[in-house]
Amino acid sequence: MNLHVKFYLFIILILYSLAFPVEIYAHSSIEKTSPQNNREVTENIKKIEIWFQDPIEIHSESITINRDDEMIDIGNVHLRNERNTHIEIMFDRTLRPGHYSVEIEAIAQDGDVIRENFQFYISTTHKENNETKDLKLITSKPKDGDLVKGQVDEIELWFNEPVQVAMMGLFNDQKQMIMNEPIVDPNDPSHVTLHVEEPLEMGSYQLSWFVRPADPDKNEEKMGIFYFAVNEFTSIEGQQEIDQPSLITNFDTKQFSHFLMIGGILVLFGLSCYQRFIAIRTNNKKIDWINLCLLFITLLGYIIYLLYTINVLSVESFQELIKLNIFQFPTVQVFFILCAFMFKRYRYVLFALSLLLFSFYTGHSSYPRYGGMINITMNSIHLLSIGIWIGGLVGLLTGVRTKALLTKFSKWALISVMLTIVTGIWMSIQFVPSYTFSSWASSNWGTFIIIKIILVIIVSIFALYNRKLIRLGSTTVQPQVVAELCIGIVIILIASALIIASPGAAEQGVYADKHSGDNRKIEVDITPFQPGYNDMTFQIKSLDANIKDVYVTLSMPPNWEKRNRAFQINDNIYKITGLNIHAAGTTFMEVEVVKEDNTVETFPFKMITPGEIRLNE
């Protein structure tokens, strides 16, 4: 086996051992906890469990637990499953009664630091079975989703135990409150009545209630909302003020370090390809000096990245830091770059390997929901293409530009730009499979992509113009090359900002569960598709029996959930109105269709709501 083959096998072995034992995912969030957040528990607790949406890394200081504001010693903390999504904290003895708060610091596989917390309460005594029932609303008149014909003189609510009313309000479809005092029935304290003094106008109404048990020994509060309509269904309107982060929030110390490292390695790779395949057998001392400057820029970015990581993490020792992917990947990149300066014969290969590693620990290309290894491959081609183009532009500015040299580079540049466009379009479609122009343009990620598209179009025009000049025999292309290079630097800056920008902020759509049968029996429409007040319309078709009721359950991890009975508009059209979308992000929806024979058919969906401030992503 010759030396060249041994060298390439050695490099492949390093990449394989570093990258493939680890699944690479995106920003994660807590899906559920045990015990549940804000819950009172009475059973003996000897372990705490936390489930994340995507794989994470932990260190020795990842979990902090306080009981009644005093930190306690924790036992064995480890990741349980192969996907690294499940943390289990084991204790040597049963936890004592008290109020517990759990602070979590974990690291997503793309390097983002995740900070979450939840709390629970362990009571001192076990309750009897009849006391463990949660306070809840049993029924009401009118019921949730009722379309009442005629007048409504009073609204009645029945709970499963005697209650005290902390708050109860009736609102019309303009969110105007109708002032009435709720009355608890002295003969049946579980029965609450809200008298209506003046006739209700036609339209939909929202009743919000907040009650607590009449028993003073029970520390429990419950709130809820239900809707009814008088003579006609109307949309309940309301506004929810949402703070949208500006574009500048996507540029911080971490992004600056990525800009320096990505820019430095891109140009190093491109220049090495320029010398190896375009300006062959030319000895250009300027390129050697540029390479040294780029090495300094890359190392500066690496140092800033490490200092930033050490600052944001609660890692107490260097030995722990070196075990984490966010240290290992950039360190291996720097190792490849230093090797490239020592082994000039393999320089372009080592620079390429260093560049490719960005796909494994930064950005969104490795999200499993976006294609995993397929998208990693596309992102790698994207990076290599940009590197060849920008590095070649730097090379052109450093030496004599003959017609033969310009013609050769022009072909390479054209192929590189075309590959950049194709792979960019591919990844954008994978990142945001469903969207509207409004959801795209109003998101930071979409805005950056639009700017990037405009810049690529301008670059393409420059490239076509330069090819025309070269065919005419001109070698005076320096002004256009400088302009292209400046645009390329801006594109790199945007790419570093896109690492932190969320593609989900631009996505908008309702997706049926692929594993639950034929969800084409229901069509879902949401207006407006944004957090806050909106209407959800369900067109139900192709069912074998008449429909009795339709219930819609909406939930967002870790613990938000609401369930409403839908208004029947006509034979197959049902609607819910009001505060339906809790926040931007992923909302899970189950539509339960109850038939006349009391059989139930359930249709699960997933809704992606656009917006920058996302609850569970």
Foldseek 3Di string as FASTA:
>chain_A
DDPVVVVVVVLVVVCCVLFPLAAAADDKFWAAKVVGFAEEDADWDFKIKTFIPFAWADFPPFKWKDFPNHTDDWADWDQDDSRRGMIMTGHPGTDDFGKMKMWGWIAHLLGDIDIDMGIYTHDDDDDDPVVPDDKDWDAKVVGFQAAAEDWDFKIKTAIPAAKDWPDKWKAFLARDTDDWDKDQDPVGNRMIMTGDPDTDDFEKMKMKTKIDHPPPVDDDIDIDMGMYTYNDYDFRDDDDDDDADDLCVLDDLLLQLLLLQLVLLLLQLQQLCCDPPQVDPDDFVVVVVVNVVSLVSNVVSLVSNVVVSVVVDPDDDPVRVCVDSSNVLLVVLNVLQVVCVVVVVCNNVSSLSSNLSSLRRFAGQQHVQLPHPVSSVLVSLLSNLLSNQLNNLVVLVRDDQALSSLLVSLVSNVVSLVSNVVSVVSSLCSQAVAADPVQLCVFSLSVLVVVLVVLSVVLVVLSVVSNVCSVVPDRPSNVSSVVNNVSSSVNSSSVSSNRPGHSLLGYWDKFWDPPQPDPVQWDWDWPPQFAWKIKIKIFGDDDPAFFDWKKKWKDDPPDDIDIGTWHDPDRGMTMDTGRDHHHAAKMKMKIWTQGPVRDIDIIIMITGGHGRDYDGD
